[in-house]
Amino acid sequence: MSSGLCKLYFILTVFVLAISAKPMDSKNRVKVEKLSDKEHYNGEEHNLDYDHEAFLGEEAREFDELSPEESRERLGIIFEKIDKDSDGFVTEEELKEWVQYTQNRYIMDDVNRQWVIHDEDKDNLLSWQEYKKTTYGFMEDEDFADVEGYDYKQMIVRDEKRWAKADVDGDNALSKQEFTHFLHPEEADHMKEIIVDETIEDIDKDGDGMISLEEYIGDLYPEGEDDGEPPEWVKTEREQFSRFRDQDQDGKMNKREVQDWILPQDYDHAAAEAKHLMYESDEDKDDKLTKEEVLAKYDVFVGSQATDFGEALIRHDEF
């Protein structure tokens, strides 16, 4: 579990839209700049699924059933897209640009998809009422006020707070850019406070506005999740909390400490992932990857049977 928890998104029908607004999963918490829904580490073990999704973004399904040979063939096509100067090598900077590209494309695809759903009058502005109607309209029936354990009334209050924060010009409607910040608050500095507030709201069980060690661990590893002794990573997380998270050593994380946890400054997730992929694949340690080196490590990039990619190979003209 370590320090790489993540956050956010996805939607298809009106009811799924409402479900997607549910309070955030503890396992989708920290790395808010979304490279993947997967944990970067499973305890001490690096999680290949994280690399797959970071490398290819939301694009998936097609690779689920591919043989290793087919995976390598398609990965070769992607290699040539990443190698922007066509010199036969992929550098760490080119890898970073690719990871950023897949992330940015995911965001814009998500925004465009949802914009069409919500902007019913097609005026290129989205009012709160439009959004509330398309997302929570089913709640007109009071029987839906609390469905499958989700308190939708509370979720509306939460969404409205985020909406107000995203509405920078205060005109009670969101432009597409403002809507992007509403859906993906990690993309805008002025939205950081709302991310912190929502995280504390999710974890703070005693309502004191801070996160204690017990609340922190309870969010990551709910009581009774497994039989027997907690796994080793739980002990590691306790140490992380005491040594790094709780900076003033008062036993709790305040708002500033929570922000440092979930939105660390001076940390570039795309650069870190590119560096990791280079480290895993650069056999001759010359700081650049040949196609042969990438294909030899296809499992790091695209080889999982449980990952989320595919369209990168279909949409090759876009990069």
C-alpha atoms as a PDB file:
ATOM      1  CA  MET A   1       0.000   0.000   0.000  1.00  0.00           C
ATOM      2  CA  SER A   2       2.865   2.324   0.941  1.00  0.00           C
ATOM      3  CA  SER A   3       2.636   6.025   0.115  1.00  0.00           C
ATOM      4  CA  GLY A   4       1.131   5.711  -3.272  1.00  0.00           C
ATOM      5  CA  LEU A   5      -2.632   5.754  -2.946  1.00  0.00           C
ATOM      6  CA  CYS A   6      -4.604   7.528  -5.616  1.00  0.00           C
ATOM      7  CA  LYS A   7      -7.904   9.187  -6.658  1.00  0.00           C
ATOM      8  CA  LEU A   8     -10.972   9.828  -8.876  1.00  0.00           C
ATOM      9  CA  TYR A   9     -13.424   9.547 -11.768  1.00  0.00           C
ATOM     10  CA  PHE A  10     -15.452   7.807 -14.526  1.00  0.00           C
ATOM     11  CA  ILE A  11     -18.991   7.830 -15.851  1.00  0.00           C
ATOM     12  CA  LEU A  12     -21.320   6.464 -18.527  1.00  0.00           C
ATOM     13  CA  THR A  13     -25.015   6.601 -17.640  1.00  0.00           C
ATOM     14  CA  VAL A  14     -26.935   8.963 -15.398  1.00  0.00           C
ATOM     15  CA  PHE A  15     -27.071   6.430 -12.601  1.00  0.00           C
ATOM     16  CA  VAL A  16     -23.389   5.604 -12.979  1.00  0.00           C
ATOM     17  CA  LEU A  17     -22.715   9.309 -12.881  1.00  0.00           C
ATOM     18  CA  ALA A  18     -24.300   9.435  -9.472  1.00  0.00           C
ATOM     19  CA  ILE A  19     -22.390   6.387  -8.275  1.00  0.00           C
ATOM     20  CA  SER A  20     -19.122   7.943  -9.451  1.00  0.00           C
ATOM     21  CA  ALA A  21     -19.619  10.803  -7.036  1.00  0.00           C
ATOM     22  CA  LYS A  22     -19.447   8.513  -4.013  1.00  0.00           C
ATOM     23  CA  PRO A  23     -16.982   9.350  -1.253  1.00  0.00           C
ATOM     24  CA  MET A  24     -13.478   8.454  -2.279  1.00  0.00           C
ATOM     25  CA  ASP A  25     -12.093   5.025  -1.687  1.00  0.00           C
ATOM     26  CA  SER A  26      -9.233   4.826   0.757  1.00  0.00           C
ATOM     27  CA  LYS A  27      -7.325   2.935  -1.901  1.00  0.00           C
ATOM     28  CA  ASN A  28      -7.720   5.816  -4.320  1.00  0.00           C
ATOM     29  CA  ARG A  29      -6.387   8.497  -2.092  1.00  0.00           C
ATOM     30  CA  VAL A  30      -2.935   9.899  -2.352  1.00  0.00           C
ATOM     31  CA  LYS A  31      -1.388  10.287  -5.755  1.00  0.00           C
ATOM     32  CA  VAL A  32      -4.142  12.655  -6.788  1.00  0.00           C
ATOM     33  CA  GLU A  33      -2.483  13.472 -10.068  1.00  0.00           C
ATOM     34  CA  LYS A  34      -3.918  10.359 -11.588  1.00  0.00           C
ATOM     35  CA  LEU A  35      -1.506   8.169 -13.524  1.00  0.00           C
ATOM     36  CA  SER A  36      -3.366   5.015 -12.527  1.00  0.00           C
ATOM     37  CA  ASP A  37      -6.152   3.740 -10.300  1.00  0.00           C
ATOM     38  CA  LYS A  38      -3.811   1.001  -9.158  1.00  0.00           C
ATOM     39  CA  GLU A  39      -1.498   1.175  -6.149  1.00  0.00           C
ATOM     40  CA  HIS A  40       2.120   1.868  -7.121  1.00  0.00           C
ATOM     41  CA  TYR A  41       3.280  -0.652  -4.534  1.00  0.00           C
ATOM     42  CA  ASN A  42       1.662  -3.686  -2.924  1.00  0.00           C
ATOM     43  CA  GLY A  43       3.522  -3.503   0.362  1.00  0.00           C
ATOM     44  CA  GLU A  44       7.168  -3.641  -0.631  1.00  0.00           C
ATOM     45  CA  GLU A  45       6.442  -5.164  -4.033  1.00  0.00           C
ATOM     46  CA  HIS A  46       6.185  -2.923  -7.077  1.00  0.00           C
ATOM     47  CA  ASN A  47       2.826  -3.211  -8.821  1.00  0.00           C
ATOM     48  CA  LEU A  48       3.128  -3.741 -12.573  1.00  0.00           C
ATOM     49  CA  ASP A  49      -0.507  -2.743 -13.101  1.00  0.00           C
ATOM     50  CA  TYR A  50       0.409   0.790 -12.024  1.00  0.00           C
ATOM     51  CA  ASP A  51       3.063   0.982 -14.745  1.00  0.00           C
ATOM     52  CA  HIS A  52       0.661  -0.356 -17.349  1.00  0.00           C
ATOM     53  CA  GLU A  53      -1.966   2.300 -16.641  1.00  0.00           C
ATOM     54  CA  ALA A  54       0.565   5.088 -16.220  1.00  0.00           C
ATOM     55  CA  PHE A  55       2.061   4.157 -19.576  1.00  0.00           C
ATOM     56  CA  LEU A  56      -1.205   3.844 -21.494  1.00  0.00           C
ATOM     57  CA  GLY A  57      -3.692   5.768 -19.386  1.00  0.00           C
ATOM     58  CA  GLU A  58      -7.308   4.667 -19.358  1.00  0.00           C
ATOM     59  CA  GLU A  59      -6.935   2.738 -22.584  1.00  0.00           C
ATOM     60  CA  ALA A  60      -7.363  -0.895 -21.894  1.00  0.00           C
ATOM     61  CA  ARG A  61      -9.533  -3.760 -22.719  1.00  0.00           C
ATOM     62  CA  GLU A  62      -7.899  -4.833 -25.978  1.00  0.00           C
ATOM     63  CA  PHE A  63      -4.716  -5.942 -24.257  1.00  0.00           C
ATOM     64  CA  ASP A  64      -6.591  -8.123 -21.784  1.00  0.00           C
ATOM     65  CA  GLU A  65      -6.788 -11.022 -24.222  1.00  0.00           C
ATOM     66  CA  LEU A  66      -3.574 -10.501 -26.182  1.00  0.00           C
ATOM     67  CA  SER A  67      -0.854 -13.089 -26.258  1.00  0.00           C
ATOM     68  CA  PRO A  68       2.700 -12.013 -25.340  1.00  0.00           C
ATOM     69  CA  GLU A  69       3.549 -11.986 -29.048  1.00  0.00           C
ATOM     70  CA  GLU A  70       0.659  -9.669 -29.884  1.00  0.00           C
ATOM     71  CA  SER A  71       1.505  -7.444 -26.924  1.00  0.00           C
ATOM     72  CA  ARG A  72       5.084  -7.088 -28.126  1.00  0.00           C
ATOM     73  CA  GLU A  73       3.960  -6.326 -31.672  1.00  0.00           C
ATOM     74  CA  ARG A  74       1.643  -3.543 -30.554  1.00  0.00           C
ATOM     75  CA  LEU A  75       4.173  -2.222 -28.073  1.00  0.00           C
ATOM     76  CA  GLY A  76       6.586  -1.847 -30.972  1.00  0.00           C
ATOM     77  CA  ILE A  77       4.086   0.464 -32.649  1.00  0.00           C
ATOM     78  CA  ILE A  78       3.824   2.544 -29.480  1.00  0.00           C
ATOM     79  CA  PHE A  79       7.624   2.714 -29.207  1.00  0.00           C
ATOM     80  CA  GLU A  80       7.758   4.480 -32.553  1.00  0.00           C
ATOM     81  CA  LYS A  81       5.186   7.018 -31.373  1.00  0.00           C
ATOM     82  CA  ILE A  82       7.173   7.770 -28.225  1.00  0.00           C
ATOM     83  CA  ASP A  83      10.396   8.130 -30.236  1.00  0.00           C
ATOM     84  CA  LYS A  84       9.427  11.570 -31.481  1.00  0.00           C
ATOM     85  CA  ASP A  85      12.784  12.372 -33.109  1.00  0.00           C
ATOM     86  CA  SER A  86      12.831   8.953 -34.837  1.00  0.00           C
ATOM     87  CA  ASP A  87      16.420   8.251 -33.871  1.00  0.00           C
ATOM     88  CA  GLY A  88      15.672   4.692 -32.811  1.00  0.00           C
ATOM     89  CA  PHE A  89      15.924   5.405 -29.101  1.00  0.00           C
ATOM     90  CA  VAL A  90      13.493   6.472 -26.403  1.00  0.00           C
ATOM     91  CA  THR A  91      14.904   8.811 -23.800  1.00  0.00           C
ATOM     92  CA  GLU A  92      13.635   9.418 -20.281  1.00  0.00           C
ATOM     93  CA  GLU A  93      12.288  12.789 -21.407  1.00  0.00           C
ATOM     94  CA  GLU A  94      10.357  11.159 -24.260  1.00  0.00           C
ATOM     95  CA  LEU A  95       8.932   8.625 -21.807  1.00  0.00           C
ATOM     96  CA  LYS A  96       7.893  11.457 -19.506  1.00  0.00           C
ATOM     97  CA  GLU A  97       6.178  13.280 -22.383  1.00  0.00           C
ATOM     98  CA  TRP A  98       4.298  10.099 -23.276  1.00  0.00           C
ATOM     99  CA  VAL A  99       3.064   9.549 -19.721  1.00  0.00           C
ATOM    100  CA  GLN A 100       1.967  13.201 -19.569  1.00  0.00           C
ATOM    101  CA  TYR A 101       0.246  12.815 -22.924  1.00  0.00           C
ATOM    102  CA  THR A 102      -1.763   9.775 -21.852  1.00  0.00           C
ATOM    103  CA  GLN A 103      -2.753  11.546 -18.634  1.00  0.00           C
ATOM    104  CA  ASN A 104      -3.816  14.741 -20.404  1.00  0.00           C
ATOM    105  CA  ARG A 105      -5.744  12.807 -23.022  1.00  0.00           C
ATOM    106  CA  TYR A 106      -7.558  10.881 -20.314  1.00  0.00           C
ATOM    107  CA  ILE A 107      -8.597  14.117 -18.652  1.00  0.00           C
ATOM    108  CA  MET A 108      -9.814  15.764 -21.833  1.00  0.00           C
ATOM    109  CA  ASP A 109     -11.674  12.645 -22.970  1.00  0.00           C
ATOM    110  CA  ASP A 110     -13.361  12.443 -19.584  1.00  0.00           C
ATOM    111  CA  VAL A 111     -14.318  16.130 -19.622  1.00  0.00           C
ATOM    112  CA  ASN A 112     -15.611  16.025 -23.201  1.00  0.00           C
ATOM    113  CA  ARG A 113     -17.658  12.907 -22.517  1.00  0.00           C
ATOM    114  CA  GLN A 114     -19.270  14.380 -19.433  1.00  0.00           C
ATOM    115  CA  TRP A 115     -19.748  17.828 -20.944  1.00  0.00           C
ATOM    116  CA  VAL A 116     -21.994  16.357 -23.643  1.00  0.00           C
ATOM    117  CA  ILE A 117     -24.079  14.633 -20.978  1.00  0.00           C
ATOM    118  CA  HIS A 118     -24.504  17.624 -18.692  1.00  0.00           C
ATOM    119  CA  ASP A 119     -24.705  20.643 -21.033  1.00  0.00           C
ATOM    120  CA  GLU A 120     -28.265  19.910 -22.067  1.00  0.00           C
ATOM    121  CA  ASP A 121     -29.037  23.326 -23.536  1.00  0.00           C
ATOM    122  CA  LYS A 122     -25.744  23.367 -25.505  1.00  0.00           C
ATOM    123  CA  ASP A 123     -24.871  26.932 -24.472  1.00  0.00           C
ATOM    124  CA  ASN A 124     -21.250  26.060 -23.624  1.00  0.00           C
ATOM    125  CA  LEU A 125     -21.888  26.841 -19.994  1.00  0.00           C
ATOM    126  CA  LEU A 126     -22.902  24.406 -17.304  1.00  0.00           C
ATOM    127  CA  SER A 127     -25.157  25.539 -14.510  1.00  0.00           C
ATOM    128  CA  TRP A 128     -25.266  23.815 -11.143  1.00  0.00           C
ATOM    129  CA  GLN A 129     -28.900  22.940 -11.757  1.00  0.00           C
ATOM    130  CA  GLU A 130     -28.056  21.211 -15.032  1.00  0.00           C
ATOM    131  CA  TYR A 131     -25.331  19.182 -13.380  1.00  0.00           C
ATOM    132  CA  LYS A 132     -27.441  18.352 -10.355  1.00  0.00           C
ATOM    133  CA  LYS A 133     -30.368  17.258 -12.531  1.00  0.00           C
ATOM    134  CA  THR A 134     -28.346  14.918 -14.763  1.00  0.00           C
ATOM    135  CA  THR A 135     -26.304  13.505 -11.892  1.00  0.00           C
ATOM    136  CA  TYR A 136     -28.807  13.334  -9.045  1.00  0.00           C
ATOM    137  CA  GLY A 137     -32.174  13.622 -10.768  1.00  0.00           C
ATOM    138  CA  PHE A 138     -33.131  10.116  -9.685  1.00  0.00           C
ATOM    139  CA  MET A 139     -33.183  11.416  -6.092  1.00  0.00           C
ATOM    140  CA  GLU A 140     -36.514  13.098  -6.679  1.00  0.00           C
ATOM    141  CA  ASP A 141     -37.763   9.784  -5.402  1.00  0.00           C
ATOM    142  CA  GLU A 142     -36.983   9.923  -1.669  1.00  0.00           C
ATOM    143  CA  ASP A 143     -36.467   6.164  -1.697  1.00  0.00           C
ATOM    144  CA  PHE A 144     -33.139   6.851  -3.384  1.00  0.00           C
ATOM    145  CA  ALA A 145     -31.841   9.201  -0.680  1.00  0.00           C
ATOM    146  CA  ASP A 146     -29.609   6.454   0.678  1.00  0.00           C
ATOM    147  CA  VAL A 147     -28.869   3.711  -1.855  1.00  0.00           C
ATOM    148  CA  GLU A 148     -26.302   0.952  -1.473  1.00  0.00           C
ATOM    149  CA  GLY A 149     -24.823   2.686   1.536  1.00  0.00           C
ATOM    150  CA  TYR A 150     -24.218   6.007  -0.221  1.00  0.00           C
ATOM    151  CA  ASP A 151     -25.643   9.169   1.296  1.00  0.00           C
ATOM    152  CA  TYR A 152     -26.477  11.049  -1.901  1.00  0.00           C
ATOM    153  CA  LYS A 153     -27.729  14.127  -0.069  1.00  0.00           C
ATOM    154  CA  GLN A 154     -24.332  14.477   1.554  1.00  0.00           C
ATOM    155  CA  MET A 155     -22.695  13.910  -1.806  1.00  0.00           C
ATOM    156  CA  ILE A 156     -24.714  16.761  -3.319  1.00  0.00           C
ATOM    157  CA  VAL A 157     -23.526  19.088  -0.574  1.00  0.00           C
ATOM    158  CA  ARG A 158     -19.979  18.005  -1.238  1.00  0.00           C
ATOM    159  CA  ASP A 159     -20.266  18.456  -4.995  1.00  0.00           C
ATOM    160  CA  GLU A 160     -21.788  21.904  -4.532  1.00  0.00           C
ATOM    161  CA  LYS A 161     -18.825  23.009  -2.423  1.00  0.00           C
ATOM    162  CA  ARG A 162     -16.418  21.796  -5.082  1.00  0.00           C
ATOM    163  CA  TRP A 163     -18.563  23.445  -7.753  1.00  0.00           C
ATOM    164  CA  ALA A 164     -18.366  26.814  -5.984  1.00  0.00           C
ATOM    165  CA  LYS A 165     -14.601  26.514  -5.726  1.00  0.00           C
ATOM    166  CA  ALA A 166     -14.288  25.732  -9.425  1.00  0.00           C
ATOM    167  CA  ASP A 167     -16.532  28.691 -10.376  1.00  0.00           C
ATOM    168  CA  VAL A 168     -13.660  31.179 -10.395  1.00  0.00           C
ATOM    169  CA  ASP A 169     -15.568  34.033 -12.049  1.00  0.00           C
ATOM    170  CA  GLY A 170     -18.556  33.600  -9.733  1.00  0.00           C
ATOM    171  CA  ASP A 171     -21.174  33.576 -12.480  1.00  0.00           C
ATOM    172  CA  ASN A 172     -22.911  30.477 -11.077  1.00  0.00           C
ATOM    173  CA  ALA A 173     -22.012  28.491 -14.182  1.00  0.00           C
ATOM    174  CA  LEU A 174     -18.921  26.581 -15.214  1.00  0.00           C
ATOM    175  CA  SER A 175     -17.056  27.015 -18.443  1.00  0.00           C
ATOM    176  CA  LYS A 176     -15.437  23.916 -19.869  1.00  0.00           C
ATOM    177  CA  GLN A 177     -12.143  24.882 -18.241  1.00  0.00           C
ATOM    178  CA  GLU A 178     -13.821  25.385 -14.884  1.00  0.00           C
ATOM    179  CA  PHE A 179     -15.659  22.086 -15.316  1.00  0.00           C
ATOM    180  CA  THR A 180     -12.300  20.420 -15.932  1.00  0.00           C
ATOM    181  CA  HIS A 181     -11.135  21.715 -12.556  1.00  0.00           C
ATOM    182  CA  PHE A 182     -14.354  20.514 -10.932  1.00  0.00           C
ATOM    183  CA  LEU A 183     -13.892  16.977 -12.254  1.00  0.00           C
ATOM    184  CA  HIS A 184     -10.109  16.920 -11.886  1.00  0.00           C
ATOM    185  CA  PRO A 185      -9.218  19.313  -9.063  1.00  0.00           C
ATOM    186  CA  GLU A 186      -5.662  17.996  -8.989  1.00  0.00           C
ATOM    187  CA  GLU A 187      -5.097  19.975 -12.197  1.00  0.00           C
ATOM    188  CA  ALA A 188      -5.519  23.427 -10.612  1.00  0.00           C
ATOM    189  CA  ASP A 189      -3.715  25.101  -7.722  1.00  0.00           C
ATOM    190  CA  HIS A 190      -6.841  26.917  -6.561  1.00  0.00           C
ATOM    191  CA  MET A 191      -8.587  23.559  -6.052  1.00  0.00           C
ATOM    192  CA  LYS A 192      -5.986  22.099  -3.679  1.00  0.00           C
ATOM    193  CA  GLU A 193      -7.833  23.234  -0.582  1.00  0.00           C
ATOM    194  CA  ILE A 194     -10.992  21.398  -1.584  1.00  0.00           C
ATOM    195  CA  ILE A 195      -9.028  18.185  -2.195  1.00  0.00           C
ATOM    196  CA  VAL A 196      -7.552  18.455   1.295  1.00  0.00           C
ATOM    197  CA  ASP A 197     -10.948  19.185   2.844  1.00  0.00           C
ATOM    198  CA  GLU A 198     -12.563  16.211   1.099  1.00  0.00           C
ATOM    199  CA  THR A 199      -9.751  13.891   2.156  1.00  0.00           C
ATOM    200  CA  ILE A 200     -10.056  14.945   5.795  1.00  0.00           C
ATOM    201  CA  GLU A 201     -13.837  14.584   5.583  1.00  0.00           C
ATOM    202  CA  ASP A 202     -13.397  11.010   4.347  1.00  0.00           C
ATOM    203  CA  ILE A 203     -10.965   9.898   7.044  1.00  0.00           C
ATOM    204  CA  ASP A 204     -11.715  12.078  10.086  1.00  0.00           C
ATOM    205  CA  LYS A 205     -14.112   9.944  12.084  1.00  0.00           C
ATOM    206  CA  ASP A 206     -14.209  11.988  15.306  1.00  0.00           C
ATOM    207  CA  GLY A 207     -14.903  15.277  13.526  1.00  0.00           C
ATOM    208  CA  ASP A 208     -11.986  17.266  14.959  1.00  0.00           C
ATOM    209  CA  GLY A 209     -10.796  18.392  11.539  1.00  0.00           C
ATOM    210  CA  MET A 210      -7.581  16.368  11.712  1.00  0.00           C
ATOM    211  CA  ILE A 211      -6.445  12.825  10.957  1.00  0.00           C
ATOM    212  CA  SER A 212      -5.130  10.734  13.821  1.00  0.00           C
ATOM    213  CA  LEU A 213      -2.869   7.708  13.433  1.00  0.00           C
ATOM    214  CA  GLU A 214      -5.816   5.423  14.157  1.00  0.00           C
ATOM    215  CA  GLU A 215      -7.957   7.138  11.516  1.00  0.00           C
ATOM    216  CA  TYR A 216      -5.099   7.049   9.007  1.00  0.00           C
ATOM    217  CA  ILE A 217      -4.470   3.328   9.469  1.00  0.00           C
ATOM    218  CA  GLY A 218      -8.189   2.582   9.686  1.00  0.00           C
ATOM    219  CA  ASP A 219      -8.692   4.168   6.281  1.00  0.00           C
ATOM    220  CA  LEU A 220      -5.954   2.082   4.698  1.00  0.00           C
ATOM    221  CA  TYR A 221      -6.647  -1.146   6.542  1.00  0.00           C
ATOM    222  CA  PRO A 222     -10.212  -1.336   7.916  1.00  0.00           C
ATOM    223  CA  GLU A 223     -10.612  -3.426  11.026  1.00  0.00           C
ATOM    224  CA  GLY A 224     -11.362  -7.031  10.184  1.00  0.00           C
ATOM    225  CA  GLU A 225     -10.210  -6.701   6.569  1.00  0.00           C
ATOM    226  CA  ASP A 226      -8.043  -9.797   6.970  1.00  0.00           C
ATOM    227  CA  ASP A 227      -7.863 -12.512   9.562  1.00  0.00           C
ATOM    228  CA  GLY A 228      -4.780 -12.759  11.733  1.00  0.00           C
ATOM    229  CA  GLU A 229      -1.946 -10.260  12.005  1.00  0.00           C
ATOM    230  CA  PRO A 230      -2.006  -7.130   9.813  1.00  0.00           C
ATOM    231  CA  PRO A 231       0.428  -7.278   6.880  1.00  0.00           C
ATOM    232  CA  GLU A 232       3.882  -5.756   7.135  1.00  0.00           C
ATOM    233  CA  TRP A 233       2.924  -2.694   5.122  1.00  0.00           C
ATOM    234  CA  VAL A 234       0.589  -1.616   7.921  1.00  0.00           C
ATOM    235  CA  LYS A 235       3.566  -1.419  10.285  1.00  0.00           C
ATOM    236  CA  THR A 236       5.448   0.540   7.618  1.00  0.00           C
ATOM    237  CA  GLU A 237       2.556   2.985   7.274  1.00  0.00           C
ATOM    238  CA  ARG A 238       2.486   3.530  11.030  1.00  0.00           C
ATOM    239  CA  GLU A 239       6.157   4.438  10.888  1.00  0.00           C
ATOM    240  CA  GLN A 240       5.544   6.687   7.866  1.00  0.00           C
ATOM    241  CA  PHE A 241       2.828   8.517   9.765  1.00  0.00           C
ATOM    242  CA  SER A 242       4.965   9.064  12.844  1.00  0.00           C
ATOM    243  CA  ARG A 243       8.176   9.973  11.025  1.00  0.00           C
ATOM    244  CA  PHE A 244       6.934  11.933   8.033  1.00  0.00           C
ATOM    245  CA  ARG A 245       3.191  12.613   7.929  1.00  0.00           C
ATOM    246  CA  ASP A 246       2.819  14.035  11.455  1.00  0.00           C
ATOM    247  CA  GLN A 247       5.427  16.725  11.050  1.00  0.00           C
ATOM    248  CA  ASP A 248       4.776  18.535  14.339  1.00  0.00           C
ATOM    249  CA  GLN A 249       4.597  15.235  16.253  1.00  0.00           C
ATOM    250  CA  ASP A 250       1.267  16.010  17.924  1.00  0.00           C
ATOM    251  CA  GLY A 251      -0.234  12.650  16.964  1.00  0.00           C
ATOM    252  CA  LYS A 252      -2.463  14.012  14.180  1.00  0.00           C
ATOM    253  CA  MET A 253      -2.243  15.445  10.699  1.00  0.00           C
ATOM    254  CA  ASN A 254      -3.574  18.973  10.351  1.00  0.00           C
ATOM    255  CA  LYS A 255      -4.643  20.496   7.021  1.00  0.00           C
ATOM    256  CA  ARG A 256      -1.135  21.537   6.028  1.00  0.00           C
ATOM    257  CA  GLU A 257       0.237  18.102   6.823  1.00  0.00           C
ATOM    258  CA  VAL A 258      -2.576  16.416   4.883  1.00  0.00           C
ATOM    259  CA  GLN A 259      -1.791  18.614   1.888  1.00  0.00           C
ATOM    260  CA  ASP A 260       1.882  17.660   2.073  1.00  0.00           C
ATOM    261  CA  TRP A 261       0.785  14.022   2.148  1.00  0.00           C
ATOM    262  CA  ILE A 262      -1.654  13.931  -0.766  1.00  0.00           C
ATOM    263  CA  LEU A 263      -0.256  16.835  -2.821  1.00  0.00           C
ATOM    264  CA  PRO A 264       3.509  16.772  -2.246  1.00  0.00           C
ATOM    265  CA  GLN A 265       5.307  19.782  -3.655  1.00  0.00           C
ATOM    266  CA  ASP A 266       8.138  19.446  -6.128  1.00  0.00           C
ATOM    267  CA  TYR A 267       7.179  15.894  -7.047  1.00  0.00           C
ATOM    268  CA  ASP A 268       6.564  15.187 -10.706  1.00  0.00           C
ATOM    269  CA  HIS A 269       4.639  11.923 -11.001  1.00  0.00           C
ATOM    270  CA  ALA A 270       5.188  11.611 -14.749  1.00  0.00           C
ATOM    271  CA  ALA A 271       8.924  12.185 -14.351  1.00  0.00           C
ATOM    272  CA  ALA A 272       9.109   9.664 -11.510  1.00  0.00           C
ATOM    273  CA  GLU A 273       7.264   7.037 -13.548  1.00  0.00           C
ATOM    274  CA  ALA A 274       9.476   7.664 -16.590  1.00  0.00           C
ATOM    275  CA  LYS A 275      12.569   7.260 -14.423  1.00  0.00           C
ATOM    276  CA  HIS A 276      11.210   4.005 -13.029  1.00  0.00           C
ATOM    277  CA  LEU A 277      10.378   2.617 -16.466  1.00  0.00           C
ATOM    278  CA  MET A 278      13.860   3.559 -17.668  1.00  0.00           C
ATOM    279  CA  TYR A 279      15.456   1.856 -14.671  1.00  0.00           C
ATOM    280  CA  GLU A 280      13.455  -1.317 -15.245  1.00  0.00           C
ATOM    281  CA  SER A 281      14.145  -1.517 -18.991  1.00  0.00           C
ATOM    282  CA  ASP A 282      17.557   0.021 -19.714  1.00  0.00           C
ATOM    283  CA  GLU A 283      19.655  -3.154 -19.694  1.00  0.00           C
ATOM    284  CA  ASP A 284      22.914  -1.553 -20.882  1.00  0.00           C
ATOM    285  CA  LYS A 285      22.439   1.528 -18.658  1.00  0.00           C
ATOM    286  CA  ASP A 286      23.124   4.015 -21.452  1.00  0.00           C
ATOM    287  CA  ASP A 287      20.124   6.186 -20.416  1.00  0.00           C
ATOM    288  CA  LYS A 288      18.124   5.430 -23.530  1.00  0.00           C
ATOM    289  CA  LEU A 289      15.942   2.560 -24.628  1.00  0.00           C
ATOM    290  CA  THR A 290      16.088   0.628 -27.854  1.00  0.00           C
ATOM    291  CA  LYS A 291      12.988  -1.067 -29.178  1.00  0.00           C
ATOM    292  CA  GLU A 292      14.591  -4.398 -28.274  1.00  0.00           C
ATOM    293  CA  GLU A 293      15.009  -3.319 -24.639  1.00  0.00           C
ATOM    294  CA  VAL A 294      11.397  -2.172 -24.415  1.00  0.00           C
ATOM    295  CA  LEU A 295      10.065  -5.341 -26.019  1.00  0.00           C
ATOM    296  CA  ALA A 296      12.169  -7.466 -23.686  1.00  0.00           C
ATOM    297  CA  LYS A 297      10.321  -5.820 -20.797  1.00  0.00           C
ATOM    298  CA  TYR A 298       6.896  -5.841 -22.410  1.00  0.00           C
ATOM    299  CA  ASP A 299       5.375  -7.106 -19.147  1.00  0.00           C
ATOM    300  CA  VAL A 300       6.417  -3.872 -17.418  1.00  0.00           C
ATOM    301  CA  PHE A 301       4.684  -1.774 -20.054  1.00  0.00           C
ATOM    302  CA  VAL A 302       1.716  -3.755 -21.387  1.00  0.00           C
ATOM    303  CA  GLY A 303       1.916  -7.393 -20.442  1.00  0.00           C
ATOM    304  CA  SER A 304      -0.661  -7.722 -17.677  1.00  0.00           C
ATOM    305  CA  GLN A 305      -3.910  -9.608 -18.137  1.00  0.00           C
ATOM    306  CA  ALA A 306      -5.647  -7.208 -15.728  1.00  0.00           C
ATOM    307  CA  THR A 307      -4.721  -3.816 -17.120  1.00  0.00           C
ATOM    308  CA  ASP A 308      -6.408  -0.994 -18.852  1.00  0.00           C
ATOM    309  CA  PHE A 309      -5.234  -0.127 -22.339  1.00  0.00           C
ATOM    310  CA  GLY A 310      -5.774  -0.543 -26.062  1.00  0.00           C
ATOM    311  CA  GLU A 311      -6.852   2.641 -27.738  1.00  0.00           C
ATOM    312  CA  ALA A 312      -3.319   4.056 -27.761  1.00  0.00           C
ATOM    313  CA  LEU A 313      -2.697   1.695 -30.633  1.00  0.00           C
ATOM    314  CA  ILE A 314      -5.892   2.612 -32.467  1.00  0.00           C
ATOM    315  CA  ARG A 315      -5.512   6.361 -32.034  1.00  0.00           C
ATOM    316  CA  HIS A 316      -1.883   6.500 -33.151  1.00  0.00           C
ATOM    317  CA  ASP A 317      -2.330   9.613 -35.288  1.00  0.00           C
ATOM    318  CA  GLU A 318      -3.130  11.784 -32.275  1.00  0.00           C
ATOM    319  CA  PHE A 319       0.373  11.899 -30.781  1.00  0.00           C
END
